[in-house]
């Protein structure tokens, strides 16, 4: 059983930065893929970013390209989402997922960007 542990700052003013982390506990197997989706109230879930082991493939959603950076520390089995130049419209619940034999989801982190 893999447990996805999410953490990070959750409140910032527009133009600021936040960093989220996501790690896998309960497994000695490496993370094959890790990423985030987000969902704002009244909106559909939106792909944010994902990354494969060794950073072989990295992908970003159009709305965050150039502002967000995803990384994966293979040794620590932990992924990071650096979010810069944040906008009010980035406010959402950010949910981490990772793939170890199957897809596992975290509980989600509320990120709030204020004016």
N, C-alpha and C. Protein backbone atom coordinates (compact mmCIF):
# COMPACT_ATOMS: atom_id res chain seq x y z
N UNK A 1 0.84 -1.18 0.00
CA UNK A 1 0.00 0.00 0.00
C UNK A 1 0.89 1.25 0.00
N UNK A 2 0.71 2.09 -1.00
CA UNK A 2 1.48 3.32 -1.09
C UNK A 2 0.65 4.47 -0.54
N UNK A 3 1.28 5.28 0.28
CA UNK A 3 0.62 6.46 0.82
C UNK A 3 1.27 7.69 0.21
N UNK A 4 0.46 8.55 -0.39
CA UNK A 4 0.97 9.77 -1.02
C UNK A 4 0.93 10.90 -0.02
N UNK A 5 2.08 11.49 0.24
CA UNK A 5 2.18 12.56 1.23
C UNK A 5 2.43 13.88 0.52
N UNK A 6 1.50 14.81 0.69
CA UNK A 6 1.63 16.12 0.06
C UNK A 6 1.92 17.18 1.12
N UNK A 7 2.69 18.17 0.76
CA UNK A 7 2.96 19.28 1.66
C UNK A 7 3.36 20.51 0.87
N UNK A 8 3.37 21.65 1.54
CA UNK A 8 3.79 22.88 0.90
C UNK A 8 3.00 24.07 1.42
N UNK A 9 3.52 25.26 1.10
CA UNK A 9 2.82 26.49 1.48
C UNK A 9 1.51 26.57 0.70
N UNK A 10 0.55 27.27 1.25
CA UNK A 10 -0.76 27.23 0.61
C UNK A 10 -1.38 28.59 0.32
N UNK A 11 -0.75 29.67 0.79
CA UNK A 11 -1.34 30.99 0.61
C UNK A 11 -0.27 31.97 0.19
N UNK A 12 -0.59 32.75 -0.84
CA UNK A 12 0.38 33.72 -1.34
C UNK A 12 -0.37 34.83 -2.07
N UNK A 13 0.29 35.98 -2.20
CA UNK A 13 -0.30 37.07 -2.98
C UNK A 13 0.04 36.89 -4.45
N UNK A 14 -0.79 37.46 -5.29
CA UNK A 14 -0.55 37.39 -6.73
C UNK A 14 0.84 37.90 -7.06
N UNK A 15 1.52 37.18 -7.96
CA UNK A 15 2.88 37.51 -8.33
C UNK A 15 3.92 36.77 -7.52
N UNK A 16 3.48 36.14 -6.45
CA UNK A 16 4.40 35.42 -5.58
C UNK A 16 4.64 34.00 -6.03
N UNK A 17 5.33 33.24 -5.15
CA UNK A 17 5.72 31.85 -5.47
C UNK A 17 5.33 30.92 -4.34
N UNK A 18 5.06 29.69 -4.71
CA UNK A 18 4.82 28.63 -3.75
C UNK A 18 5.49 27.37 -4.26
N UNK A 19 5.76 26.44 -3.35
CA UNK A 19 6.35 25.17 -3.74
C UNK A 19 5.61 24.04 -3.05
N UNK A 20 5.14 23.09 -3.84
CA UNK A 20 4.47 21.91 -3.31
C UNK A 20 5.40 20.71 -3.44
N UNK A 21 5.26 19.79 -2.52
CA UNK A 21 6.02 18.55 -2.61
C UNK A 21 5.07 17.36 -2.50
N UNK A 22 5.52 16.24 -3.02
CA UNK A 22 4.70 15.03 -3.04
C UNK A 22 5.64 13.84 -2.98
N UNK A 23 5.42 12.98 -2.01
CA UNK A 23 6.29 11.83 -1.86
C UNK A 23 5.48 10.56 -1.62
N UNK A 24 6.14 9.44 -1.83
CA UNK A 24 5.51 8.14 -1.65
C UNK A 24 6.08 7.46 -0.42
N UNK A 25 5.22 7.08 0.49
CA UNK A 25 5.67 6.29 1.64
C UNK A 25 5.04 4.90 1.55
N UNK A 26 5.71 3.94 2.16
CA UNK A 26 5.19 2.59 2.17
C UNK A 26 5.62 1.76 0.98
N UNK A 27 6.57 2.30 0.21
CA UNK A 27 7.05 1.54 -0.95
C UNK A 27 8.52 1.81 -1.17
N UNK A 28 9.26 0.77 -1.47
CA UNK A 28 10.67 0.95 -1.80
C UNK A 28 10.88 1.02 -3.32
N UNK A 29 9.79 0.87 -4.06
CA UNK A 29 9.90 0.94 -5.52
C UNK A 29 9.98 2.39 -5.97
N UNK A 30 10.67 2.65 -7.06
CA UNK A 30 10.79 4.02 -7.54
C UNK A 30 9.49 4.52 -8.16
N UNK A 31 9.31 5.82 -8.08
CA UNK A 31 8.17 6.46 -8.74
C UNK A 31 8.43 6.48 -10.24
N UNK A 32 7.49 5.95 -11.00
CA UNK A 32 7.64 5.94 -12.45
C UNK A 32 7.20 7.26 -13.07
N UNK A 33 6.09 7.79 -12.57
CA UNK A 33 5.56 9.06 -13.04
C UNK A 33 4.93 9.79 -11.86
N UNK A 34 5.06 11.09 -11.84
CA UNK A 34 4.47 11.90 -10.78
C UNK A 34 3.94 13.19 -11.39
N UNK A 35 2.85 13.69 -10.86
CA UNK A 35 2.30 14.93 -11.40
C UNK A 35 1.22 15.51 -10.53
N UNK A 36 0.68 16.61 -11.03
CA UNK A 36 -0.41 17.28 -10.34
C UNK A 36 -1.55 17.63 -11.31
N UNK A 37 -2.76 17.54 -10.78
CA UNK A 37 -3.93 18.12 -11.39
C UNK A 37 -4.45 19.17 -10.40
N UNK A 38 -5.29 20.04 -10.88
CA UNK A 38 -5.93 21.00 -9.98
C UNK A 38 -7.39 21.16 -10.36
N UNK A 39 -8.17 21.58 -9.37
CA UNK A 39 -9.58 21.84 -9.61
C UNK A 39 -10.03 23.03 -8.80
N UNK A 40 -10.54 24.02 -9.50
CA UNK A 40 -11.09 25.21 -8.85
C UNK A 40 -12.59 25.04 -8.70
N UNK A 41 -13.21 25.74 -7.75
CA UNK A 41 -14.65 25.62 -7.54
C UNK A 41 -15.43 25.93 -8.81
N UNK A 42 -16.32 25.03 -9.17
CA UNK A 42 -17.16 25.25 -10.34
C UNK A 42 -16.49 24.97 -11.66
N UNK A 43 -15.24 24.49 -11.62
CA UNK A 43 -14.52 24.21 -12.86
C UNK A 43 -14.13 22.75 -12.94
N UNK A 44 -13.82 22.31 -14.15
CA UNK A 44 -13.39 20.93 -14.34
C UNK A 44 -11.94 20.76 -13.88
N UNK A 45 -11.60 19.53 -13.57
CA UNK A 45 -10.22 19.24 -13.19
C UNK A 45 -9.29 19.54 -14.36
N UNK A 46 -8.16 20.12 -14.07
CA UNK A 46 -7.22 20.58 -15.09
C UNK A 46 -5.85 19.97 -14.85
N UNK A 47 -5.24 19.48 -15.91
CA UNK A 47 -3.88 18.95 -15.83
C UNK A 47 -2.91 20.11 -15.59
N UNK A 48 -1.99 19.91 -14.63
CA UNK A 48 -0.99 20.94 -14.34
C UNK A 48 0.37 20.55 -14.91
N UNK A 49 0.90 19.42 -14.46
CA UNK A 49 2.23 19.00 -14.92
C UNK A 49 2.47 17.56 -14.52
N UNK A 50 3.37 16.90 -15.26
CA UNK A 50 3.83 15.59 -14.85
C UNK A 50 5.25 15.36 -15.31
N UNK A 51 5.88 14.35 -14.71
CA UNK A 51 7.28 14.08 -14.99
C UNK A 51 7.52 12.59 -14.79
N UNK A 52 8.37 12.01 -15.62
CA UNK A 52 8.70 10.59 -15.48
C UNK A 52 10.06 10.44 -14.80
N UNK A 53 10.32 9.23 -14.35
CA UNK A 53 11.58 8.92 -13.67
C UNK A 53 12.76 9.34 -14.54
N UNK A 54 13.74 9.98 -13.89
CA UNK A 54 14.89 10.44 -14.63
C UNK A 54 14.61 11.66 -15.48
N UNK A 55 13.41 12.23 -15.29
CA UNK A 55 12.99 13.42 -16.05
C UNK A 55 13.05 13.17 -17.55
N UNK A 56 12.77 11.94 -17.95
CA UNK A 56 12.83 11.61 -19.38
C UNK A 56 11.74 12.37 -20.15
N UNK A 57 10.57 12.47 -19.52
CA UNK A 57 9.48 13.22 -20.14
C UNK A 57 8.90 14.17 -19.10
N UNK A 58 8.65 15.40 -19.52
CA UNK A 58 8.03 16.42 -18.67
C UNK A 58 6.94 17.10 -19.48
N UNK A 59 5.80 17.28 -18.85
CA UNK A 59 4.70 17.95 -19.53
C UNK A 59 4.03 18.98 -18.65
N UNK A 60 3.52 20.04 -19.28
CA UNK A 60 2.84 21.11 -18.54
C UNK A 60 1.52 21.44 -19.21
N UNK A 61 0.56 21.83 -18.41
CA UNK A 61 -0.67 22.36 -18.95
C UNK A 61 -0.42 23.74 -19.55
N UNK A 62 -1.22 24.10 -20.53
CA UNK A 62 -0.99 25.37 -21.22
C UNK A 62 -1.06 26.57 -20.28
N UNK A 63 -1.92 26.51 -19.29
CA UNK A 63 -2.11 27.67 -18.43
C UNK A 63 -0.96 27.89 -17.46
N UNK A 64 -0.07 26.92 -17.30
CA UNK A 64 1.03 27.08 -16.34
C UNK A 64 2.40 27.06 -17.00
N UNK A 65 2.45 26.80 -18.29
CA UNK A 65 3.75 26.76 -18.98
C UNK A 65 4.50 28.06 -18.80
N UNK A 66 5.79 27.93 -18.49
CA UNK A 66 6.63 29.10 -18.31
C UNK A 66 6.59 29.68 -16.92
N UNK A 67 5.64 29.23 -16.09
CA UNK A 67 5.51 29.76 -14.72
C UNK A 67 5.76 28.67 -13.68
N UNK A 68 5.39 27.44 -13.99
CA UNK A 68 5.54 26.34 -13.05
C UNK A 68 6.68 25.42 -13.52
N UNK A 69 7.37 24.82 -12.54
CA UNK A 69 8.43 23.88 -12.84
C UNK A 69 8.27 22.64 -11.99
N UNK A 70 8.21 21.49 -12.63
CA UNK A 70 8.09 20.23 -11.91
C UNK A 70 9.44 19.53 -11.90
N UNK A 71 9.73 18.86 -10.81
CA UNK A 71 10.97 18.10 -10.71
C UNK A 71 10.72 16.83 -9.90
N UNK A 72 11.62 15.88 -10.05
CA UNK A 72 11.49 14.60 -9.34
C UNK A 72 12.85 14.18 -8.82
N UNK A 73 12.95 14.06 -7.52
CA UNK A 73 14.17 13.57 -6.88
C UNK A 73 14.04 12.06 -6.78
N UNK A 74 14.68 11.36 -7.70
CA UNK A 74 14.54 9.90 -7.74
C UNK A 74 15.08 9.25 -6.47
N UNK A 75 16.14 9.80 -5.91
CA UNK A 75 16.74 9.21 -4.72
C UNK A 75 15.81 9.32 -3.52
N UNK A 76 15.10 10.46 -3.44
CA UNK A 76 14.20 10.69 -2.31
C UNK A 76 12.78 10.25 -2.60
N UNK A 77 12.52 9.83 -3.86
CA UNK A 77 11.15 9.45 -4.25
C UNK A 77 10.16 10.57 -3.94
N UNK A 78 10.58 11.78 -4.25
CA UNK A 78 9.77 12.97 -3.96
C UNK A 78 9.73 13.88 -5.17
N UNK A 79 8.55 14.39 -5.45
CA UNK A 79 8.39 15.34 -6.54
C UNK A 79 8.07 16.72 -6.01
N UNK A 80 8.41 17.72 -6.80
CA UNK A 80 8.20 19.11 -6.40
C UNK A 80 7.53 19.88 -7.53
N UNK A 81 6.68 20.81 -7.14
CA UNK A 81 6.08 21.72 -8.10
C UNK A 81 6.37 23.14 -7.65
N UNK A 82 7.30 23.80 -8.34
CA UNK A 82 7.63 25.19 -8.05
C UNK A 82 6.70 26.07 -8.88
N UNK A 83 5.94 26.88 -8.19
CA UNK A 83 4.95 27.73 -8.86
C UNK A 83 5.34 29.19 -8.69
N UNK A 84 5.68 29.83 -9.80
CA UNK A 84 6.09 31.24 -9.79
C UNK A 84 5.08 32.10 -10.54
N UNK A 85 5.19 33.40 -10.33
CA UNK A 85 4.30 34.36 -11.00
C UNK A 85 2.83 33.93 -10.86
N UNK A 86 2.47 33.60 -9.65
CA UNK A 86 1.12 33.06 -9.42
C UNK A 86 0.06 34.12 -9.67
N UNK A 87 -1.07 33.64 -10.17
CA UNK A 87 -2.21 34.49 -10.48
C UNK A 87 -3.41 34.07 -9.61
N UNK A 88 -4.35 34.96 -9.46
CA UNK A 88 -5.54 34.63 -8.69
C UNK A 88 -6.22 33.40 -9.28
N UNK A 89 -6.20 33.29 -10.60
CA UNK A 89 -6.85 32.14 -11.25
C UNK A 89 -6.13 30.82 -11.04
N UNK A 90 -4.97 30.84 -10.39
CA UNK A 90 -4.29 29.59 -10.03
C UNK A 90 -4.86 29.00 -8.74
N UNK A 91 -5.73 29.74 -8.09
CA UNK A 91 -6.37 29.24 -6.88
C UNK A 91 -7.17 27.98 -7.17
N UNK A 92 -6.86 26.90 -6.44
CA UNK A 92 -7.51 25.61 -6.69
C UNK A 92 -7.01 24.60 -5.66
N UNK A 93 -7.64 23.45 -5.66
CA UNK A 93 -7.10 22.31 -4.92
C UNK A 93 -6.16 21.57 -5.86
N UNK A 94 -4.91 21.45 -5.44
CA UNK A 94 -3.90 20.76 -6.24
C UNK A 94 -3.73 19.34 -5.70
N UNK A 95 -3.93 18.37 -6.56
CA UNK A 95 -3.84 16.97 -6.16
C UNK A 95 -2.68 16.30 -6.87
N UNK A 96 -1.85 15.67 -6.07
CA UNK A 96 -0.70 14.96 -6.60
C UNK A 96 -1.08 13.52 -6.93
N UNK A 97 -0.54 13.00 -8.00
CA UNK A 97 -0.67 11.58 -8.31
C UNK A 97 0.71 11.03 -8.61
N UNK A 98 0.88 9.77 -8.36
CA UNK A 98 2.13 9.12 -8.74
C UNK A 98 1.85 7.68 -9.13
N UNK A 99 2.73 7.15 -9.95
CA UNK A 99 2.53 5.79 -10.46
C UNK A 99 3.65 4.89 -9.95
N UNK A 100 3.27 3.95 -9.10
CA UNK A 100 4.12 2.85 -8.67
C UNK A 100 3.24 1.61 -8.79
N UNK A 101 3.42 0.86 -9.84
CA UNK A 101 2.62 -0.32 -10.15
C UNK A 101 1.16 0.02 -10.50
N UNK A 102 0.66 1.09 -9.95
CA UNK A 102 -0.66 1.63 -10.30
C UNK A 102 -0.65 3.10 -9.89
N UNK A 103 -1.73 3.80 -10.20
CA UNK A 103 -1.79 5.23 -9.87
C UNK A 103 -2.32 5.41 -8.45
N UNK A 104 -1.62 6.27 -7.71
CA UNK A 104 -2.01 6.61 -6.35
C UNK A 104 -2.22 8.11 -6.27
N UNK A 105 -3.22 8.53 -5.48
CA UNK A 105 -3.55 9.95 -5.38
C UNK A 105 -3.36 10.44 -3.95
N UNK A 106 -2.93 11.68 -3.85
CA UNK A 106 -2.86 12.34 -2.56
C UNK A 106 -4.20 12.95 -2.20
N UNK A 107 -4.26 13.55 -1.01
CA UNK A 107 -5.53 14.07 -0.51
C UNK A 107 -5.85 15.45 -1.07
N UNK A 108 -4.86 16.09 -1.66
CA UNK A 108 -5.07 17.42 -2.24
C UNK A 108 -4.65 18.52 -1.29
N UNK A 109 -4.19 19.61 -1.86
CA UNK A 109 -3.74 20.78 -1.11
C UNK A 109 -4.44 22.02 -1.66
N UNK A 110 -5.07 22.77 -0.79
CA UNK A 110 -5.72 24.01 -1.22
C UNK A 110 -4.65 25.09 -1.40
N UNK A 111 -4.55 25.62 -2.59
CA UNK A 111 -3.64 26.73 -2.88
C UNK A 111 -4.50 27.96 -3.15
N UNK A 112 -4.23 29.03 -2.42
CA UNK A 112 -5.00 30.25 -2.56
C UNK A 112 -4.07 31.40 -2.92
N UNK A 113 -4.38 32.07 -4.02
CA UNK A 113 -3.62 33.23 -4.47
C UNK A 113 -4.52 34.45 -4.35
N UNK A 114 -4.11 35.40 -3.53
CA UNK A 114 -4.95 36.57 -3.27
C UNK A 114 -4.42 37.79 -3.99
N UNK A 115 -5.28 38.79 -4.14
CA UNK A 115 -4.86 40.03 -4.80
C UNK A 115 -3.92 40.81 -3.91
